[in-house]
Amino acid sequence: MDENDYNNTIAALFRIKESNGNPSVINREWEGMKNSPNNLFLAIEYSINVFYSKNKEENEDGARWLAILLSNVFKSDPEKDEEFGKGIEKAVDGNIPKKKRFSVFIESLLMALRGRVGDFTESLQTREFYGMVARELVYAVEETKYYKKIKDWFSSILGYLLRPSTYSNGHRVAFTLLEDMHADLVSNRIIMLLAKKCNSPEYLISEGAKNALAHLMANSPEKVQLLLLTIEKALKEEKLDEGRRVEIKRGLIDRMNRIKN
């Protein structure tokens, strides 16, 4: 790692923080990184040192600002932006055909971010912070052609975190991320996985899943009936009898109402 690159990247992140995520400052820092886009990997690796806070709101702000900075990659066209195109060329192995270099760079960037969320050797705080960055990236690229790709990528992260049958930090990260999400950003596969986990014999898993679903319902009032249909389908796949299915759904509605009130 070049010490100059490190110092410049950290300084850029501090300027973004000091500006409270001012869009013009984020755009200016992006312009400064375009010719050395590998510095975005440094931004992922070291941003927690700058942005992380024990205050949840400040933590979410920092994650959102980093996501907005990263979203410039998906909003930029290296074919039209000569400076960015040259940066990508330097960042990616020259043996890779030019037309594929941008997609290789994107995949590497997403892999790096996913790696930070999924690394079980990292602290819970680190994984939660980068999980928030991943979630905020979905919102940040909503107006781009990469929206579906990023949404699917984020769903795969959630699926990975929720997969184990015994409670882990991965579950906690996923449940934390889902609490602030709108149902439109969560795939049916994740809704069904959460619904099935409502019947888990592990208390922390079942409670976390119920809480996540109730928050999704509270955040998406127009989707409640659709969510309940998906939940019913998942519970039937679990071969739960009607009484148990009704009990779980009624409990979710009660939780949703408590959250809203």
Protein backbone atom coordinates (compact mmCIF):
# COMPACT_ATOMS: atom_id res chain seq x y z
CA MET A 1 0.00 0.00 0.00
CA ASP A 2 1.30 3.43 -0.96
CA GLU A 3 1.51 5.66 2.14
CA ASN A 4 0.53 8.67 0.06
CA ASP A 5 -2.64 6.93 -1.15
CA TYR A 6 -3.49 5.94 2.41
CA ASN A 7 -3.02 9.48 3.75
CA ASN A 8 -5.01 11.02 0.89
CA THR A 9 -7.88 8.54 1.31
CA ILE A 10 -8.11 9.02 5.08
CA ALA A 11 -7.99 12.81 4.60
CA ALA A 12 -10.82 12.56 2.03
CA LEU A 13 -12.96 10.56 4.48
CA PHE A 14 -12.32 13.11 7.25
CA ARG A 15 -13.36 15.96 4.93
CA ILE A 16 -16.60 14.11 4.15
CA LYS A 17 -17.21 13.57 7.87
CA GLU A 18 -16.46 17.19 8.79
CA SER A 19 -18.89 18.39 6.11
CA ASN A 20 -21.66 16.18 7.54
CA GLY A 21 -21.87 14.34 4.25
CA ASN A 22 -22.32 17.46 2.12
CA PRO A 23 -23.05 16.16 -1.43
CA SER A 24 -20.73 18.70 -3.06
CA VAL A 25 -17.87 17.58 -0.79
CA ILE A 26 -18.55 13.90 -1.54
CA ASN A 27 -18.57 14.68 -5.27
CA ARG A 28 -15.34 16.66 -4.97
CA GLU A 29 -13.61 13.79 -3.15
CA TRP A 30 -14.87 11.38 -5.83
CA GLU A 31 -13.40 13.61 -8.52
CA GLY A 32 -10.07 13.43 -6.69
CA MET A 33 -10.17 9.62 -6.56
CA LYS A 34 -11.24 8.94 -10.15
CA ASN A 35 -7.72 8.62 -11.47
CA SER A 36 -6.78 6.19 -8.66
CA PRO A 37 -10.00 4.21 -8.12
CA ASN A 38 -8.15 1.59 -6.07
CA ASN A 39 -8.30 4.19 -3.29
CA LEU A 40 -11.97 3.23 -2.99
CA PHE A 41 -10.80 -0.14 -1.69
CA LEU A 42 -8.76 1.75 0.91
CA ALA A 43 -11.89 3.76 1.75
CA ILE A 44 -13.75 0.51 2.45
CA GLU A 45 -10.92 -0.90 4.52
CA TYR A 46 -10.27 2.13 6.72
CA SER A 47 -13.54 4.08 6.80
CA ILE A 48 -14.59 2.49 10.09
CA ASN A 49 -11.61 4.28 11.70
CA VAL A 50 -13.10 7.60 10.59
CA PHE A 51 -16.88 7.10 10.51
CA TYR A 52 -17.69 4.53 13.18
CA SER A 53 -19.44 5.90 16.27
CA LYS A 54 -21.14 4.31 19.27
CA ASN A 55 -24.02 6.66 18.52
CA LYS A 56 -26.34 4.69 16.19
CA GLU A 57 -27.46 7.76 14.24
CA GLU A 58 -23.90 8.97 13.62
CA ASN A 59 -22.91 5.45 12.66
CA GLU A 60 -25.69 5.28 10.06
CA ASP A 61 -24.72 8.71 8.73
CA GLY A 62 -21.10 7.60 8.19
CA ALA A 63 -22.22 4.40 6.47
CA ARG A 64 -24.53 6.39 4.18
CA TRP A 65 -21.79 8.88 3.26
CA LEU A 66 -19.38 6.08 2.32
CA ALA A 67 -22.13 4.39 0.29
CA ILE A 68 -22.80 7.64 -1.59
CA LEU A 69 -19.08 7.98 -2.34
CA LEU A 70 -18.97 4.38 -3.65
CA SER A 71 -22.18 4.88 -5.64
CA ASN A 72 -20.31 7.27 -7.94
CA VAL A 73 -18.62 4.20 -9.43
CA PHE A 74 -22.00 2.90 -10.59
CA LYS A 75 -23.10 6.31 -11.85
CA SER A 76 -19.94 6.84 -13.92
CA ASP A 77 -19.31 5.55 -17.40
CA PRO A 78 -15.59 4.84 -17.90
CA GLU A 79 -16.13 4.94 -21.68
CA LYS A 80 -17.30 8.56 -21.49
CA ASP A 81 -15.27 9.71 -18.50
CA GLU A 82 -11.70 9.55 -19.78
CA GLU A 83 -10.09 10.19 -16.39
CA PHE A 84 -12.09 7.43 -14.71
CA GLY A 85 -11.46 5.09 -17.65
CA LYS A 86 -7.69 5.57 -17.29
CA GLY A 87 -7.99 4.95 -13.56
CA ILE A 88 -9.80 1.66 -14.16
CA GLU A 89 -7.17 0.67 -16.71
CA LYS A 90 -4.42 1.20 -14.11
CA ALA A 91 -6.43 -0.58 -11.41
CA VAL A 92 -7.22 -3.75 -13.39
CA ASP A 93 -4.80 -6.25 -14.94
CA GLY A 94 -3.98 -5.14 -18.48
CA ASN A 95 -4.43 -8.71 -19.76
CA ILE A 96 -8.18 -8.39 -19.22
CA PRO A 97 -9.99 -7.04 -22.31
CA LYS A 98 -10.79 -3.35 -22.00
CA LYS A 99 -14.56 -3.83 -22.21
CA LYS A 100 -14.46 -6.23 -19.24
CA ARG A 101 -12.23 -4.15 -16.97
CA PHE A 102 -15.07 -2.10 -15.52
CA SER A 103 -17.16 -5.17 -14.65
CA VAL A 104 -14.08 -6.81 -13.06
CA PHE A 105 -13.51 -3.66 -11.00
CA ILE A 106 -17.16 -3.60 -9.88
CA GLU A 107 -17.13 -7.28 -8.89
CA SER A 108 -13.94 -6.74 -6.89
CA LEU A 109 -15.41 -3.72 -5.11
CA LEU A 110 -18.60 -5.59 -4.17
CA MET A 111 -16.58 -8.63 -3.10
CA ALA A 112 -14.45 -6.45 -0.82
CA LEU A 113 -17.52 -4.94 0.83
CA ARG A 114 -19.25 -8.29 1.19
CA GLY A 115 -16.06 -9.69 2.71
CA ARG A 116 -16.13 -7.03 5.43
CA VAL A 117 -19.74 -7.87 6.32
CA GLY A 118 -19.21 -11.62 6.28
CA ASP A 119 -15.84 -11.89 8.02
CA PHE A 120 -16.55 -13.79 11.26
CA THR A 121 -13.08 -12.84 12.59
CA GLU A 122 -14.11 -9.16 12.62
CA SER A 123 -15.87 -7.52 15.57
CA LEU A 124 -19.66 -7.26 15.60
CA GLN A 125 -19.36 -3.46 15.33
CA THR A 126 -17.24 -3.70 12.17
CA ARG A 127 -19.64 -6.14 10.52
CA GLU A 128 -22.68 -4.04 11.43
CA PHE A 129 -21.06 -0.87 10.09
CA TYR A 130 -20.18 -2.39 6.72
CA GLY A 131 -23.59 -4.07 6.59
CA MET A 132 -25.07 -0.58 6.82
CA VAL A 133 -22.78 0.59 4.01
CA ALA A 134 -24.02 -2.32 1.85
CA ARG A 135 -27.65 -1.52 2.67
CA GLU A 136 -27.20 2.20 1.96
CA LEU A 137 -25.52 1.38 -1.36
CA VAL A 138 -28.81 -0.20 -2.50
CA TYR A 139 -30.56 3.12 -1.90
CA ALA A 140 -27.72 5.15 -3.43
CA VAL A 141 -27.78 3.34 -6.80
CA GLU A 142 -31.58 3.27 -7.12
CA GLU A 143 -31.57 5.52 -10.20
CA THR A 144 -28.86 3.55 -12.03
CA LYS A 145 -28.90 0.49 -14.27
CA TYR A 146 -27.04 -1.40 -11.53
CA TYR A 147 -29.94 -1.22 -9.07
CA LYS A 148 -31.15 -4.81 -9.59
CA LYS A 149 -27.60 -6.16 -9.43
CA ILE A 150 -26.87 -4.35 -6.15
CA LYS A 151 -30.25 -5.32 -4.69
CA ASP A 152 -29.61 -9.00 -5.52
CA TRP A 153 -26.07 -8.70 -4.11
CA PHE A 154 -27.42 -7.30 -0.85
CA SER A 155 -30.07 -10.04 -0.63
CA SER A 156 -27.32 -12.64 -1.03
CA ILE A 157 -25.46 -11.01 1.89
CA LEU A 158 -28.60 -11.20 4.06
CA GLY A 159 -29.12 -14.85 3.06
CA TYR A 160 -25.54 -15.68 4.01
CA LEU A 161 -25.89 -13.97 7.40
CA LEU A 162 -29.21 -15.67 8.18
CA ARG A 163 -28.34 -19.18 6.97
CA PRO A 164 -26.87 -20.79 10.13
CA SER A 165 -29.34 -22.71 12.30
CA THR A 166 -27.65 -21.59 15.54
CA TYR A 167 -27.63 -17.95 16.64
CA SER A 168 -24.54 -16.00 15.63
CA ASN A 169 -23.27 -12.45 15.11
CA GLY A 170 -24.37 -12.89 11.49
CA HIS A 171 -28.00 -13.12 12.61
CA ARG A 172 -27.60 -10.03 14.74
CA VAL A 173 -26.10 -8.05 11.86
CA ALA A 174 -28.92 -9.11 9.50
CA PHE A 175 -31.66 -8.35 12.04
CA THR A 176 -30.13 -4.91 12.73
CA LEU A 177 -30.02 -4.07 9.01
CA LEU A 178 -33.59 -5.25 8.37
CA GLU A 179 -35.10 -3.08 11.10
CA ASP A 180 -34.63 0.08 9.03
CA MET A 181 -35.54 -1.33 5.62
CA HIS A 182 -38.51 -1.05 3.30
CA ALA A 183 -39.98 -4.31 2.02
CA ASP A 184 -39.31 -3.33 -1.61
CA LEU A 185 -35.59 -3.79 -0.99
CA VAL A 186 -35.93 -7.30 0.45
CA SER A 187 -36.41 -10.31 -1.83
CA ASN A 188 -39.20 -12.86 -1.33
CA ARG A 189 -36.51 -15.44 -0.60
CA ILE A 190 -35.36 -13.43 2.44
CA ILE A 191 -38.96 -12.85 3.61
CA MET A 192 -39.60 -16.60 3.45
CA LEU A 193 -36.34 -17.37 5.25
CA LEU A 194 -37.29 -14.95 8.04
CA ALA A 195 -40.79 -16.43 8.26
CA LYS A 196 -39.39 -19.95 8.66
CA LYS A 197 -37.02 -18.73 11.36
CA CYS A 198 -40.02 -17.43 13.35
CA ASN A 199 -40.55 -21.08 14.28
CA SER A 200 -36.90 -21.69 15.25
CA PRO A 201 -36.39 -23.49 18.58
CA GLU A 202 -33.65 -20.92 19.31
CA TYR A 203 -35.30 -18.01 21.11
CA LEU A 204 -32.87 -15.33 19.84
CA ILE A 205 -33.37 -16.44 16.22
CA SER A 206 -37.18 -16.61 16.42
CA GLU A 207 -37.41 -13.27 18.26
CA GLY A 208 -35.00 -11.59 15.85
CA ALA A 209 -36.88 -12.89 12.81
CA LYS A 210 -40.27 -11.80 14.20
CA ASN A 211 -38.89 -8.38 15.07
CA ALA A 212 -37.34 -7.97 11.59
CA LEU A 213 -40.58 -8.94 9.83
CA ALA A 214 -42.66 -6.67 12.09
CA HIS A 215 -40.36 -3.74 11.27
CA LEU A 216 -40.57 -4.47 7.53
CA MET A 217 -44.37 -4.47 7.83
CA ALA A 218 -44.37 -1.23 9.86
CA ASN A 219 -42.01 0.44 7.35
CA SER A 220 -44.11 -0.74 4.37
CA PRO A 221 -47.82 -0.40 5.27
CA GLU A 222 -48.83 -0.76 1.62
CA LYS A 223 -47.09 -4.17 1.47
CA VAL A 224 -48.49 -5.74 4.65
CA GLN A 225 -51.03 -8.03 2.96
CA LEU A 226 -48.47 -9.16 0.38
CA LEU A 227 -45.94 -9.86 3.13
CA LEU A 228 -48.49 -11.88 5.10
CA LEU A 229 -49.23 -14.01 2.01
CA THR A 230 -45.50 -14.72 1.58
CA ILE A 231 -45.18 -15.51 5.29
CA GLU A 232 -48.16 -17.89 5.09
CA LYS A 233 -46.56 -19.68 2.13
CA ALA A 234 -43.30 -20.12 4.05
CA LEU A 235 -45.06 -21.43 7.17
CA LYS A 236 -47.00 -23.94 5.07
CA GLU A 237 -43.70 -25.15 3.60
CA GLU A 238 -42.60 -25.73 7.20
CA LYS A 239 -45.71 -27.92 7.57
CA LEU A 240 -47.04 -25.91 10.51
CA ASP A 241 -50.70 -26.48 11.35
CA GLU A 242 -53.22 -23.69 10.80
CA GLY A 243 -53.40 -22.77 14.49
CA ARG A 244 -49.64 -22.19 14.70
CA ARG A 245 -49.60 -20.23 11.42
CA VAL A 246 -52.39 -17.95 12.66
CA GLU A 247 -50.60 -17.48 15.99
CA ILE A 248 -47.35 -16.40 14.30
CA LYS A 249 -49.07 -14.00 11.90
CA ARG A 250 -51.21 -12.47 14.66
CA GLY A 251 -48.09 -12.00 16.75
CA LEU A 252 -46.37 -10.22 13.85
CA ILE A 253 -49.33 -7.87 13.39
CA ASP A 254 -49.34 -7.06 17.13
CA ARG A 255 -45.61 -6.29 17.00
CA MET A 256 -46.07 -4.13 13.90
CA ASN A 257 -48.79 -2.11 15.67
CA ARG A 258 -46.60 -1.61 18.75
CA ILE A 259 -43.74 -0.38 16.53
CA LYS A 260 -46.03 2.05 14.70
CA ASN A 261 -47.55 3.37 17.93
